[in-house]
Amino acid sequence: MADKPDMGEIASFNKAKLKETETRENTLPTKETIEQSEIS
């Protein structure tokens, strides 16, 4: 394995071959939400 990446591969990368994806954001519960679930 080389110490430095082969920049030639990056320059010739075909972005058209990438698939479209759906991004979903998962948020962490707040401190209040956690405290409420501990009471139940």
Protein backbone atom coordinates (compact mmCIF):
# COMPACT_ATOMS: atom_id res chain seq x y z
CA MET A 1 0.00 0.00 0.00
CA ALA A 2 1.38 3.38 -0.97
CA ASP A 3 1.82 6.22 1.50
CA LYS A 4 -0.05 8.64 -0.75
CA PRO A 5 -3.31 8.01 -2.66
CA ASP A 6 -3.27 7.71 -6.45
CA MET A 7 -4.75 11.09 -7.45
CA GLY A 8 -5.08 9.89 -11.05
CA GLU A 9 -7.87 7.53 -10.02
CA ILE A 10 -9.71 10.38 -8.32
CA ALA A 11 -9.37 12.64 -11.37
CA SER A 12 -10.77 9.96 -13.70
CA PHE A 13 -13.66 8.91 -11.42
CA ASN A 14 -16.98 8.77 -13.26
CA LYS A 15 -19.60 10.46 -11.04
CA ALA A 16 -22.36 9.42 -13.49
CA LYS A 17 -22.05 5.83 -12.20
CA LEU A 18 -23.08 6.84 -8.68
CA LYS A 19 -26.56 5.82 -7.53
CA GLU A 20 -28.98 8.36 -6.09
CA THR A 21 -29.72 7.79 -2.41
CA GLU A 22 -32.19 9.15 0.08
CA THR A 23 -30.62 10.74 3.14
CA ARG A 24 -32.47 10.48 6.44
CA GLU A 25 -31.37 12.31 9.55
CA ASN A 26 -31.69 10.48 12.86
CA THR A 27 -31.53 12.77 15.86
CA LEU A 28 -30.60 11.77 19.37
CA PRO A 29 -33.21 12.13 22.11
CA THR A 30 -32.98 15.16 24.34
CA LYS A 31 -32.16 14.91 28.02
CA GLU A 32 -35.81 15.68 28.81
CA THR A 33 -37.07 12.86 26.59
CA ILE A 34 -34.74 10.38 28.27
CA GLU A 35 -35.83 11.52 31.73
CA GLN A 36 -39.51 11.17 30.80
CA SER A 37 -39.00 7.61 29.51
CA GLU A 38 -37.20 6.61 32.73
CA ILE A 39 -40.26 7.67 34.78
CA SER A 40 -42.66 5.49 32.80
